[in-house]
């Protein structure tokens, strides 16, 4: 394999790893939000988003090429669909449900200083 082919393989691996990381981040964020926040914000339910993001994360993992991932004979363009699902959640749903999520800080408001 020449240097261009080697770089191309690792560029695709990096691309699919970023998609997998994005999907996993969206899934973990979705699971940390309370279910009432989704309906209060006027979005679909948390169960709906959890299943969409689980499917997106599984597809993204399956699409990672063989040097690192599974690399099954699976249509790799579906990784783009999983990236779209994760991006829709992170750009649209996450900011909408963020105000309804309780923050657990280290013991109340800070007065600053010592």
PDB file of N, CA and C in Angstrom:
ATOM      1  N   UNK A   1       0.860  -1.177   0.000  1.00  0.00           N
ATOM      2  CA  UNK A   1       0.000   0.000   0.000  1.00  0.00           C
ATOM      3  C   UNK A   1       0.905   1.237   0.000  1.00  0.00           C
ATOM      4  N   UNK A   2       0.615   2.154  -0.865  1.00  0.00           N
ATOM      5  CA  UNK A   2       1.418   3.362  -0.926  1.00  0.00           C
ATOM      6  C   UNK A   2       1.006   4.338   0.173  1.00  0.00           C
ATOM      7  N   UNK A   3       1.726   5.421   0.278  1.00  0.00           N
ATOM      8  CA  UNK A   3       1.510   6.387   1.359  1.00  0.00           C
ATOM      9  C   UNK A   3       0.147   7.068   1.251  1.00  0.00           C
ATOM     10  N   UNK A   4      -0.330   7.299   0.037  1.00  0.00           N
ATOM     11  CA  UNK A   4      -1.633   7.949  -0.134  1.00  0.00           C
ATOM     12  C   UNK A   4      -2.754   7.008   0.290  1.00  0.00           C
ATOM     13  N   UNK A   5      -2.651   5.751  -0.062  1.00  0.00           N
ATOM     14  CA  UNK A   5      -3.647   4.772   0.365  1.00  0.00           C
ATOM     15  C   UNK A   5      -3.658   4.596   1.874  1.00  0.00           C
ATOM     16  N   UNK A   6      -2.475   4.583   2.474  1.00  0.00           N
ATOM     17  CA  UNK A   6      -2.366   4.474   3.930  1.00  0.00           C
ATOM     18  C   UNK A   6      -3.007   5.681   4.614  1.00  0.00           C
ATOM     19  N   UNK A   7      -2.724   6.870   4.110  1.00  0.00           N
ATOM     20  CA  UNK A   7      -3.315   8.083   4.687  1.00  0.00           C
ATOM     21  C   UNK A   7      -4.827   8.097   4.503  1.00  0.00           C
ATOM     22  N   UNK A   8      -5.282   7.605   3.366  1.00  0.00           N
ATOM     23  CA  UNK A   8      -6.716   7.571   3.108  1.00  0.00           C
ATOM     24  C   UNK A   8      -7.434   6.625   4.070  1.00  0.00           C
ATOM     25  N   UNK A   9      -6.866   5.470   4.324  1.00  0.00           N
ATOM     26  CA  UNK A   9      -7.470   4.519   5.261  1.00  0.00           C
ATOM     27  C   UNK A   9      -7.569   5.136   6.647  1.00  0.00           C
ATOM     28  N   UNK A  10      -6.508   5.742   7.117  1.00  0.00           N
ATOM     29  CA  UNK A  10      -6.532   6.315   8.463  1.00  0.00           C
ATOM     30  C   UNK A  10      -7.400   7.558   8.540  1.00  0.00           C
ATOM     31  N   UNK A  11      -7.549   8.268   7.440  1.00  0.00           N
ATOM     32  CA  UNK A  11      -8.470   9.407   7.428  1.00  0.00           C
ATOM     33  C   UNK A  11      -9.915   8.929   7.564  1.00  0.00           C
ATOM     34  N   UNK A  12     -10.252   7.837   6.878  1.00  0.00           N
ATOM     35  CA  UNK A  12     -11.593   7.265   7.026  1.00  0.00           C
ATOM     36  C   UNK A  12     -11.812   6.724   8.435  1.00  0.00           C
ATOM     37  N   UNK A  13     -10.804   6.087   9.002  1.00  0.00           N
ATOM     38  CA  UNK A  13     -10.921   5.589  10.375  1.00  0.00           C
ATOM     39  C   UNK A  13     -11.174   6.752  11.322  1.00  0.00           C
ATOM     40  N   UNK A  14     -10.426   7.822  11.167  1.00  0.00           N
ATOM     41  CA  UNK A  14     -10.618   9.001  12.013  1.00  0.00           C
ATOM     42  C   UNK A  14     -12.009   9.596  11.825  1.00  0.00           C
ATOM     43  N   UNK A  15     -12.466   9.666  10.596  1.00  0.00           N
ATOM     44  CA  UNK A  15     -13.795  10.194  10.284  1.00  0.00           C
ATOM     45  C   UNK A  15     -14.885   9.380  10.979  1.00  0.00           C
ATOM     46  N   UNK A  16     -14.792   8.059  10.891  1.00  0.00           N
ATOM     47  CA  UNK A  16     -15.803   7.208  11.517  1.00  0.00           C
ATOM     48  C   UNK A  16     -15.685   7.212  13.036  1.00  0.00           C
ATOM     49  N   UNK A  17     -14.488   7.364  13.568  1.00  0.00           N
ATOM     50  CA  UNK A  17     -14.336   7.472  15.019  1.00  0.00           C
ATOM     51  C   UNK A  17     -14.960   8.760  15.547  1.00  0.00           C
ATOM     52  N   UNK A  18     -14.830   9.841  14.797  1.00  0.00           N
ATOM     53  CA  UNK A  18     -15.470  11.102  15.199  1.00  0.00           C
ATOM     54  C   UNK A  18     -16.987  10.947  15.194  1.00  0.00           C
ATOM     55  N   UNK A  19     -17.523  10.290  14.187  1.00  0.00           N
ATOM     56  CA  UNK A  19     -18.972  10.061  14.133  1.00  0.00           C
ATOM     57  C   UNK A  19     -19.415   9.195  15.310  1.00  0.00           C
ATOM     58  N   UNK A  20     -18.648   8.153  15.628  1.00  0.00           N
ATOM     59  CA  UNK A  20     -18.988   7.307  16.770  1.00  0.00           C
ATOM     60  C   UNK A  20     -18.925   8.098  18.074  1.00  0.00           C
ATOM     61  N   UNK A  21     -17.897   8.902  18.245  1.00  0.00           N
ATOM     62  CA  UNK A  21     -17.780   9.717  19.457  1.00  0.00           C
ATOM     63  C   UNK A  21     -18.913  10.716  19.583  1.00  0.00           C
ATOM     64  N   UNK A  22     -19.303  11.315  18.489  1.00  0.00           N
ATOM     65  CA  UNK A  22     -20.417  12.265  18.487  1.00  0.00           C
ATOM     66  C   UNK A  22     -21.719  11.572  18.869  1.00  0.00           C
ATOM     67  N   UNK A  23     -21.951  10.398  18.325  1.00  0.00           N
ATOM     68  CA  UNK A  23     -23.168   9.645  18.645  1.00  0.00           C
ATOM     69  C   UNK A  23     -23.176   9.196  20.099  1.00  0.00           C
ATOM     70  N   UNK A  24     -22.037   8.738  20.589  1.00  0.00           N
ATOM     71  CA  UNK A  24     -21.955   8.297  21.986  1.00  0.00           C
ATOM     72  C   UNK A  24     -22.153   9.470  22.936  1.00  0.00           C
ATOM     73  N   UNK A  25     -21.578  10.626  22.607  1.00  0.00           N
ATOM     74  CA  UNK A  25     -21.752  11.819  23.444  1.00  0.00           C
ATOM     75  C   UNK A  25     -23.222  12.222  23.498  1.00  0.00           C
ATOM     76  N   UNK A  26     -23.892  12.214  22.361  1.00  0.00           N
ATOM     77  CA  UNK A  26     -25.312  12.566  22.330  1.00  0.00           C
ATOM     78  C   UNK A  26     -26.139  11.572  23.138  1.00  0.00           C
ATOM     79  N   UNK A  27     -25.811  10.287  23.051  1.00  0.00           N
ATOM     80  CA  UNK A  27     -26.547   9.269  23.806  1.00  0.00           C
ATOM     81  C   UNK A  27     -26.361   9.447  25.308  1.00  0.00           C
ATOM     82  N   UNK A  28     -25.144   9.656  25.750  1.00  0.00           N
ATOM     83  CA  UNK A  28     -24.886   9.853  27.183  1.00  0.00           C
ATOM     84  C   UNK A  28     -25.579  11.117  27.677  1.00  0.00           C
ATOM     85  N   UNK A  29     -25.537  12.178  26.892  1.00  0.00           N
ATOM     86  CA  UNK A  29     -26.209  13.417  27.288  1.00  0.00           C
ATOM     87  C   UNK A  29     -27.715  13.215  27.386  1.00  0.00           C
ATOM     88  N   UNK A  30     -28.278  12.471  26.456  1.00  0.00           N
ATOM     89  CA  UNK A  30     -29.718  12.201  26.474  1.00  0.00           C
ATOM     90  C   UNK A  30     -30.112  11.420  27.720  1.00  0.00           C
ATOM     91  N   UNK A  31     -29.305  10.446  28.100  1.00  0.00           N
ATOM     92  CA  UNK A  31     -29.623   9.631  29.265  1.00  0.00           C
ATOM     93  C   UNK A  31     -29.486  10.402  30.577  1.00  0.00           C
ATOM     94  N   UNK A  32     -28.706  11.472  30.574  1.00  0.00           N
ATOM     95  CA  UNK A  32     -28.526  12.261  31.790  1.00  0.00           C
ATOM     96  C   UNK A  32     -29.629  13.290  32.009  1.00  0.00           C
ATOM     97  N   UNK A  33     -30.438  13.542  31.009  1.00  0.00           N
ATOM     98  CA  UNK A  33     -31.518  14.529  31.117  1.00  0.00           C
ATOM     99  C   UNK A  33     -32.770  13.887  31.703  1.00  0.00           C
ATOM    100  N   UNK A  34     -33.533  14.630  32.505  1.00  0.00           N
ATOM    101  CA  UNK A  34     -34.784  14.068  33.041  1.00  0.00           C
ATOM    102  C   UNK A  34     -35.838  13.940  31.941  1.00  0.00           C
ATOM    103  N   UNK A  35     -36.679  12.916  32.015  1.00  0.00           N
ATOM    104  CA  UNK A  35     -37.684  12.699  30.959  1.00  0.00           C
ATOM    105  C   UNK A  35     -38.667  13.857  30.811  1.00  0.00           C
ATOM    106  N   UNK A  36     -38.980  14.543  31.895  1.00  0.00           N
ATOM    107  CA  UNK A  36     -39.938  15.647  31.828  1.00  0.00           C
ATOM    108  C   UNK A  36     -39.392  16.827  31.036  1.00  0.00           C
ATOM    109  N   UNK A  37     -38.077  16.971  30.980  1.00  0.00           N
ATOM    110  CA  UNK A  37     -37.483  18.106  30.271  1.00  0.00           C
ATOM    111  C   UNK A  37     -37.807  18.070  28.783  1.00  0.00           C
ATOM    112  N   UNK A  38     -37.902  16.895  28.216  1.00  0.00           N
ATOM    113  CA  UNK A  38     -38.159  16.770  26.783  1.00  0.00           C
ATOM    114  C   UNK A  38     -39.577  17.216  26.436  1.00  0.00           C
ATOM    115  N   UNK A  39     -40.543  16.734  27.202  1.00  0.00           N
ATOM    116  CA  UNK A  39     -41.929  17.109  26.898  1.00  0.00           C
ATOM    117  C   UNK A  39     -42.203  18.557  27.269  1.00  0.00           C
ATOM    118  N   UNK A  40     -41.571  19.047  28.328  1.00  0.00           N
ATOM    119  CA  UNK A  40     -41.743  20.445  28.714  1.00  0.00           C
ATOM    120  C   UNK A  40     -41.174  21.381  27.653  1.00  0.00           C
ATOM    121  N   UNK A  41     -40.085  20.990  27.037  1.00  0.00           N
ATOM    122  CA  UNK A  41     -39.459  21.811  25.995  1.00  0.00           C
ATOM    123  C   UNK A  41     -40.165  21.679  24.651  1.00  0.00           C
ATOM    124  N   UNK A  42     -41.166  20.813  24.565  1.00  0.00           N
ATOM    125  CA  UNK A  42     -41.900  20.654  23.311  1.00  0.00           C
ATOM    126  C   UNK A  42     -41.201  19.756  22.309  1.00  0.00           C
ATOM    127  N   UNK A  43     -40.335  18.877  22.783  1.00  0.00           N
ATOM    128  CA  UNK A  43     -39.609  17.948  21.904  1.00  0.00           C
ATOM    129  C   UNK A  43     -40.193  16.549  22.050  1.00  0.00           C
ATOM    130  N   UNK A  44     -39.710  15.624  21.249  1.00  0.00           N
ATOM    131  CA  UNK A  44     -40.137  14.230  21.372  1.00  0.00           C
ATOM    132  C   UNK A  44     -39.687  13.697  22.729  1.00  0.00           C
ATOM    133  N   UNK A  45     -40.199  12.548  23.119  1.00  0.00           N
ATOM    134  CA  UNK A  45     -39.897  12.007  24.443  1.00  0.00           C
ATOM    135  C   UNK A  45     -38.445  11.545  24.542  1.00  0.00           C
ATOM    136  N   UNK A  46     -37.994  11.392  25.785  1.00  0.00           N
ATOM    137  CA  UNK A  46     -36.634  10.911  26.000  1.00  0.00           C
ATOM    138  C   UNK A  46     -36.482   9.483  25.487  1.00  0.00           C
ATOM    139  N   UNK A  47     -37.523   8.679  25.611  1.00  0.00           N
ATOM    140  CA  UNK A  47     -37.467   7.308  25.104  1.00  0.00           C
ATOM    141  C   UNK A  47     -37.224   7.296  23.597  1.00  0.00           C
ATOM    142  N   UNK A  48     -37.917   8.164  22.880  1.00  0.00           N
ATOM    143  CA  UNK A  48     -37.721   8.263  21.434  1.00  0.00           C
ATOM    144  C   UNK A  48     -36.277   8.621  21.118  1.00  0.00           C
ATOM    145  N   UNK A  49     -35.745   9.669  21.747  1.00  0.00           N
ATOM    146  CA  UNK A  49     -34.383  10.107  21.462  1.00  0.00           C
ATOM    147  C   UNK A  49     -33.356   9.082  21.919  1.00  0.00           C
ATOM    148  N   UNK A  50     -33.646   8.382  22.999  1.00  0.00           N
ATOM    149  CA  UNK A  50     -32.715   7.348  23.446  1.00  0.00           C
ATOM    150  C   UNK A  50     -32.598   6.240  22.410  1.00  0.00           C
ATOM    151  N   UNK A  51     -33.719   5.764  21.880  1.00  0.00           N
ATOM    152  CA  UNK A  51     -33.674   4.698  20.880  1.00  0.00           C
ATOM    153  C   UNK A  51     -33.045   5.164  19.573  1.00  0.00           C
ATOM    154  N   UNK A  52     -33.329   6.396  19.165  1.00  0.00           N
ATOM    155  CA  UNK A  52     -32.704   6.926  17.943  1.00  0.00           C
ATOM    156  C   UNK A  52     -31.189   6.987  18.116  1.00  0.00           C
ATOM    157  N   UNK A  53     -30.743   7.459  19.278  1.00  0.00           N
ATOM    158  CA  UNK A  53     -29.307   7.607  19.498  1.00  0.00           C
ATOM    159  C   UNK A  53     -28.616   6.269  19.766  1.00  0.00           C
ATOM    160  N   UNK A  54     -29.321   5.309  20.346  1.00  0.00           N
ATOM    161  CA  UNK A  54     -28.747   3.964  20.484  1.00  0.00           C
ATOM    162  C   UNK A  54     -28.517   3.365  19.097  1.00  0.00           C
ATOM    163  N   UNK A  55     -29.508   3.482  18.232  1.00  0.00           N
ATOM    164  CA  UNK A  55     -29.356   2.973  16.864  1.00  0.00           C
ATOM    165  C   UNK A  55     -28.224   3.696  16.138  1.00  0.00           C
ATOM    166  N   UNK A  56     -28.139   5.011  16.317  1.00  0.00           N
ATOM    167  CA  UNK A  56     -27.080   5.781  15.661  1.00  0.00           C
ATOM    168  C   UNK A  56     -25.703   5.368  16.166  1.00  0.00           C
ATOM    169  N   UNK A  57     -25.580   5.129  17.461  1.00  0.00           N
ATOM    170  CA  UNK A  57     -24.295   4.733  18.027  1.00  0.00           C
ATOM    171  C   UNK A  57     -23.892   3.335  17.563  1.00  0.00           C
ATOM    172  N   UNK A  58     -24.839   2.420  17.505  1.00  0.00           N
ATOM    173  CA  UNK A  58     -24.541   1.057  17.033  1.00  0.00           C
ATOM    174  C   UNK A  58     -24.119   1.081  15.565  1.00  0.00           C
ATOM    175  N   UNK A  59     -24.840   1.824  14.746  1.00  0.00           N
ATOM    176  CA  UNK A  59     -24.488   1.914  13.321  1.00  0.00           C
ATOM    177  C   UNK A  59     -23.119   2.556  13.154  1.00  0.00           C
ATOM    178  N   UNK A  60     -22.841   3.606  13.919  1.00  0.00           N
ATOM    179  CA  UNK A  60     -21.539   4.263  13.819  1.00  0.00           C
ATOM    180  C   UNK A  60     -20.415   3.319  14.238  1.00  0.00           C
ATOM    181  N   UNK A  61     -20.660   2.495  15.247  1.00  0.00           N
ATOM    182  CA  UNK A  61     -19.636   1.538  15.678  1.00  0.00           C
ATOM    183  C   UNK A  61     -19.401   0.463  14.624  1.00  0.00           C
ATOM    184  N   UNK A  62     -20.472  -0.024  14.038  1.00  0.00           N
ATOM    185  CA  UNK A  62     -20.343  -1.070  13.021  1.00  0.00           C
ATOM    186  C   UNK A  62     -19.617  -0.547  11.783  1.00  0.00           C
ATOM    187  N   UNK A  63     -19.744   0.739  11.494  1.00  0.00           N
ATOM    188  CA  UNK A  63     -19.141   1.309  10.286  1.00  0.00           C
ATOM    189  C   UNK A  63     -17.657   1.636  10.431  1.00  0.00           C
ATOM    190  N   UNK A  64     -17.096   1.539  11.638  1.00  0.00           N
ATOM    191  CA  UNK A  64     -15.668   1.832  11.795  1.00  0.00           C
ATOM    192  C   UNK A  64     -14.877   0.781  11.022  1.00  0.00           C
ATOM    193  N   UNK A  65     -13.948   1.206  10.157  1.00  0.00           N
ATOM    194  CA  UNK A  65     -13.199   0.259   9.317  1.00  0.00           C
ATOM    195  C   UNK A  65     -12.317  -0.705  10.124  1.00  0.00           C
ATOM    196  N   UNK A  66     -11.886  -1.798   9.498  1.00  0.00           N
ATOM    197  CA  UNK A  66     -11.189  -2.892  10.176  1.00  0.00           C
ATOM    198  C   UNK A  66      -9.914  -2.603  10.957  1.00  0.00           C
ATOM    199  N   UNK A  67      -9.087  -1.645  10.657  1.00  0.00           N
ATOM    200  CA  UNK A  67      -7.900  -1.534  11.517  1.00  0.00           C
ATOM    201  C   UNK A  67      -8.235  -1.342  12.999  1.00  0.00           C
ATOM    202  N   UNK A  68      -9.379  -0.739  13.297  1.00  0.00           N
ATOM    203  CA  UNK A  68      -9.770  -0.517  14.693  1.00  0.00           C
ATOM    204  C   UNK A  68     -11.114  -1.155  14.995  1.00  0.00           C
ATOM    205  N   UNK A  69     -12.076  -0.958  14.125  1.00  0.00           N
ATOM    206  CA  UNK A  69     -13.442  -1.370  14.417  1.00  0.00           C
ATOM    207  C   UNK A  69     -13.844  -2.675  13.774  1.00  0.00           C
ATOM    208  N   UNK A  70     -15.153  -2.865  13.710  1.00  0.00           N
ATOM    209  CA  UNK A  70     -15.741  -4.103  13.210  1.00  0.00           C
ATOM    210  C   UNK A  70     -15.605  -4.186  11.699  1.00  0.00           C
ATOM    211  N   UNK A  71     -16.046  -3.155  11.006  1.00  0.00           N
ATOM    212  CA  UNK A  71     -15.930  -3.117   9.560  1.00  0.00           C
ATOM    213  C   UNK A  71     -16.732  -4.182   8.840  1.00  0.00           C
ATOM    214  N   UNK A  72     -17.926  -4.466   9.328  1.00  0.00           N
ATOM    215  CA  UNK A  72     -18.786  -5.439   8.656  1.00  0.00           C
ATOM    216  C   UNK A  72     -19.179  -4.923   7.278  1.00  0.00           C
ATOM    217  N   UNK A  73     -19.568  -5.801   6.375  1.00  0.00           N
ATOM    218  CA  UNK A  73     -20.029  -5.325   5.064  1.00  0.00           C
ATOM    219  C   UNK A  73     -21.374  -4.630   5.216  1.00  0.00           C
ATOM    220  N   UNK A  74     -21.317  -3.457   5.702  1.00  0.00           N
ATOM    221  CA  UNK A  74     -22.477  -2.654   6.061  1.00  0.00           C
ATOM    222  C   UNK A  74     -22.366  -1.373   5.256  1.00  0.00           C
ATOM    223  N   UNK A  75     -23.432  -0.858   4.709  1.00  0.00           N
ATOM    224  CA  UNK A  75     -23.320   0.391   3.939  1.00  0.00           C
ATOM    225  C   UNK A  75     -22.766   1.526   4.803  1.00  0.00           C
ATOM    226  N   UNK A  76     -21.586   1.975   4.464  1.00  0.00           N
ATOM    227  CA  UNK A  76     -20.917   2.978   5.286  1.00  0.00           C
ATOM    228  C   UNK A  76     -21.588   4.340   5.244  1.00  0.00           C
ATOM    229  N   UNK A  77     -22.408   4.586   4.234  1.00  0.00           N
ATOM    230  CA  UNK A  77     -23.092   5.869   4.193  1.00  0.00           C
ATOM    231  C   UNK A  77     -24.084   5.997   5.344  1.00  0.00           C
ATOM    232  N   UNK A  78     -24.466   4.868   5.950  1.00  0.00           N
ATOM    233  CA  UNK A  78     -25.370   4.939   7.098  1.00  0.00           C
ATOM    234  C   UNK A  78     -24.707   5.613   8.295  1.00  0.00           C
ATOM    235  N   UNK A  79     -23.377   5.658   8.308  1.00  0.00           N
ATOM    236  CA  UNK A  79     -22.683   6.406   9.354  1.00  0.00           C
ATOM    237  C   UNK A  79     -23.034   7.886   9.259  1.00  0.00           C
ATOM    238  N   UNK A  80     -23.253   8.378   8.056  1.00  0.00           N
ATOM    239  CA  UNK A  80     -23.669   9.774   7.898  1.00  0.00           C
ATOM    240  C   UNK A  80     -25.068   9.996   8.450  1.00  0.00           C
ATOM    241  N   UNK A  81     -25.936   9.006   8.323  1.00  0.00           N
ATOM    242  CA  UNK A  81     -27.280   9.104   8.893  1.00  0.00           C
ATOM    243  C   UNK A  81     -27.191   9.138  10.414  1.00  0.00           C
ATOM    244  N   UNK A  82     -26.314   8.321  10.988  1.00  0.00           N
ATOM    245  CA  UNK A  82     -26.156   8.347  12.437  1.00  0.00           C
ATOM    246  C   UNK A  82     -25.542   9.662  12.895  1.00  0.00           C
ATOM    247  N   UNK A  83     -24.645  10.228  12.106  1.00  0.00           N
ATOM    248  CA  UNK A  83     -24.098  11.539  12.443  1.00  0.00           C
ATOM    249  C   UNK A  83     -25.185  12.602  12.387  1.00  0.00           C
ATOM    250  N   UNK A  84     -26.071  12.501  11.412  1.00  0.00           N
ATOM    251  CA  UNK A  84     -27.171  13.468  11.312  1.00  0.00           C
ATOM    252  C   UNK A  84     -28.086  13.383  12.525  1.00  0.00           C
ATOM    253  N   UNK A  85     -28.386  12.167  12.987  1.00  0.00           N
ATOM    254  CA  UNK A  85     -29.238  12.009  14.172  1.00  0.00           C
ATOM    255  C   UNK A  85     -28.575  12.623  15.399  1.00  0.00           C
ATOM    256  N   UNK A  86     -27.287  12.374  15.574  1.00  0.00           N
ATOM    257  CA  UNK A  86     -26.574  12.930  16.724  1.00  0.00           C
ATOM    258  C   UNK A  86     -26.489  14.449  16.639  1.00  0.00           C
ATOM    259  N   UNK A  87     -26.269  14.982  15.449  1.00  0.00           N
ATOM    260  CA  UNK A  87     -26.166  16.435  15.287  1.00  0.00           C
ATOM    261  C   UNK A  87     -27.508  17.099  15.533  1.00  0.00           C
ATOM    262  N   UNK A  88     -28.594  16.495  15.067  1.00  0.00           N
ATOM    263  CA  UNK A  88     -29.927  17.058  15.331  1.00  0.00           C
ATOM    264  C   UNK A  88     -30.178  17.106  16.828  1.00  0.00           C
ATOM    265  N   UNK A  89     -29.819  16.033  17.536  1.00  0.00           N
ATOM    266  CA  UNK A  89     -30.012  16.044  18.988  1.00  0.00           C
ATOM    267  C   UNK A  89     -29.157  17.132  19.639  1.00  0.00           C
ATOM    268  N   UNK A  90     -27.874  17.190  19.289  1.00  0.00           N
ATOM    269  CA  UNK A  90     -26.963  18.121  19.957  1.00  0.00           C
ATOM    270  C   UNK A  90     -27.245  19.579  19.618  1.00  0.00           C
ATOM    271  N   UNK A  91     -27.744  19.848  18.426  1.00  0.00           N
ATOM    272  CA  UNK A  91     -27.965  21.232  18.005  1.00  0.00           C
ATOM    273  C   UNK A  91     -29.372  21.721  18.329  1.00  0.00           C
ATOM    274  N   UNK A  92     -30.361  20.845  18.272  1.00  0.00           N
ATOM    275  CA  UNK A  92     -31.743  21.268  18.466  1.00  0.00           C
ATOM    276  C   UNK A  92     -32.303  20.870  19.826  1.00  0.00           C
ATOM    277  N   UNK A  93     -32.211  19.606  20.173  1.00  0.00           N
ATOM    278  CA  UNK A  93     -32.874  19.104  21.383  1.00  0.00           C
ATOM    279  C   UNK A  93     -32.092  19.477  22.637  1.00  0.00           C
ATOM    280  N   UNK A  94     -30.795  19.286  22.628  1.00  0.00           N
ATOM    281  CA  UNK A  94     -29.989  19.543  23.824  1.00  0.00           C
ATOM    282  C   UNK A  94     -30.127  20.973  24.336  1.00  0.00           C
ATOM    283  N   UNK A  95     -30.017  22.006  23.488  1.00  0.00           N
ATOM    284  CA  UNK A  95     -30.212  23.362  24.014  1.00  0.00           C
ATOM    285  C   UNK A  95     -31.634  23.615  24.510  1.00  0.00           C
ATOM    286  N   UNK A  96     -32.618  22.935  23.928  1.00  0.00           N
ATOM    287  CA  UNK A  96     -34.004  23.139  24.350  1.00  0.00           C
ATOM    288  C   UNK A  96     -34.278  22.527  25.716  1.00  0.00           C
ATOM    289  N   UNK A  97     -33.662  21.390  26.023  1.00  0.00           N
ATOM    290  CA  UNK A  97     -33.916  20.744  27.311  1.00  0.00           C
ATOM    291  C   UNK A  97     -32.942  21.182  28.396  1.00  0.00           C
ATOM    292  N   UNK A  98     -31.898  21.900  28.040  1.00  0.00           N
ATOM    293  CA  UNK A  98     -30.898  22.317  29.025  1.00  0.00           C
ATOM    294  C   UNK A  98     -31.471  23.189  30.145  1.00  0.00           C
ATOM    295  N   UNK A  99     -32.362  24.149  29.884  1.00  0.00           N
ATOM    296  CA  UNK A  99     -32.880  24.965  30.991  1.00  0.00           C
ATOM    297  C   UNK A  99     -33.719  24.182  31.998  1.00  0.00           C
ATOM    298  N   UNK A 100     -34.221  23.037  31.615  1.00  0.00           N
ATOM    299  CA  UNK A 100     -35.076  22.243  32.502  1.00  0.00           C
ATOM    300  C   UNK A 100     -34.293  21.192  33.282  1.00  0.00           C
ATOM    301  N   UNK A 101     -32.993  21.176  33.114  1.00  0.00           N
ATOM    302  CA  UNK A 101     -32.147  20.212  33.798  1.00  0.00           C
ATOM    303  C   UNK A 101     -31.554  20.861  35.035  1.00  0.00           C
ATOM    304  N   UNK A 102     -31.675  20.162  36.158  1.00  0.00           N
ATOM    305  CA  UNK A 102     -31.092  20.689  37.392  1.00  0.00           C
ATOM    306  C   UNK A 102     -29.586  20.540  37.350  1.00  0.00           C
ATOM    307  N   UNK A 103     -28.916  21.582  37.792  1.00  0.00           N
ATOM    308  CA  UNK A 103     -27.465  21.531  37.905  1.00  0.00           C
ATOM    309  C   UNK A 103     -27.117  21.181  39.343  1.00  0.00           C
ATOM    310  N   UNK A 104     -26.222  20.252  39.504  1.00  0.00           N
ATOM    311  CA  UNK A 104     -25.787  19.869  40.845  1.00  0.00           C
ATOM    312  C   UNK A 104     -24.379  20.394  41.047  1.00  0.00           C
ATOM    313  N   UNK A 105     -24.302  21.580  41.575  1.00  0.00           N
ATOM    314  CA  UNK A 105     -23.009  22.193  41.813  1.00  0.00           C
ATOM    315  C   UNK A 105     -22.417  21.741  43.137  1.00  0.00           C
ATOM    316  N   UNK A 106     -21.247  22.262  43.475  1.00  0.00           N
ATOM    317  CA  UNK A 106     -20.585  21.847  44.711  1.00  0.00           C
ATOM    318  C   UNK A 106     -21.094  22.588  45.945  1.00  0.00           C
ATOM    319  N   UNK A 107     -22.385  22.745  46.103  1.00  0.00           N
ATOM    320  CA  UNK A 107     -22.893  23.277  47.363  1.00  0.00           C
ATOM    321  C   UNK A 107     -23.483  24.666  47.326  1.00  0.00           C
ATOM    322  N   UNK A 108     -24.040  25.100  46.262  1.00  0.00           N
ATOM    323  CA  UNK A 108     -24.736  26.377  46.253  1.00  0.00           C
ATOM    324  C   UNK A 108     -24.013  27.455  45.491  1.00  0.00           C
ATOM    325  N   UNK A 109     -24.610  28.660  45.525  1.00  0.00           N
ATOM    326  CA  UNK A 109     -24.009  29.757  44.767  1.00  0.00           C
ATOM    327  C   UNK A 109     -22.690  30.206  45.385  1.00  0.00           C
ATOM    328  N   UNK A 110     -21.798  30.563  44.519  1.00  0.00           N
ATOM    329  CA  UNK A 110     -20.482  31.001  44.974  1.00  0.00           C
ATOM    330  C   UNK A 110     -20.501  32.495  45.249  1.00  0.00           C
ATOM    331  N   UNK A 111     -19.884  32.871  46.334  1.00  0.00           N
ATOM    332  CA  UNK A 111     -19.766  34.294  46.657  1.00  0.00           C
ATOM    333  C   UNK A 111     -18.421  34.836  46.202  1.00  0.00           C
ATOM    334  N   UNK A 112     -17.611  33.974  45.659  1.00  0.00           N
ATOM    335  CA  UNK A 112     -16.324  34.405  45.145  1.00  0.00           C
ATOM    336  C   UNK A 112     -15.311  34.614  46.259  1.00  0.00           C
ATOM    337  N   UNK A 113     -14.091  34.852  45.867  1.00  0.00           N
ATOM    338  CA  UNK A 113     -13.042  35.141  46.842  1.00  0.00           C
ATOM    339  C   UNK A 113     -12.705  33.955  47.722  1.00  0.00           C
ATOM    340  N   UNK A 114     -12.180  34.281  48.877  1.00  0.00           N
ATOM    341  CA  UNK A 114     -11.751  33.256  49.817  1.00  0.00           C
ATOM    342  C   UNK A 114     -12.901  32.937  50.682  1.00  0.00           C
TER     343      UNK A 114
END
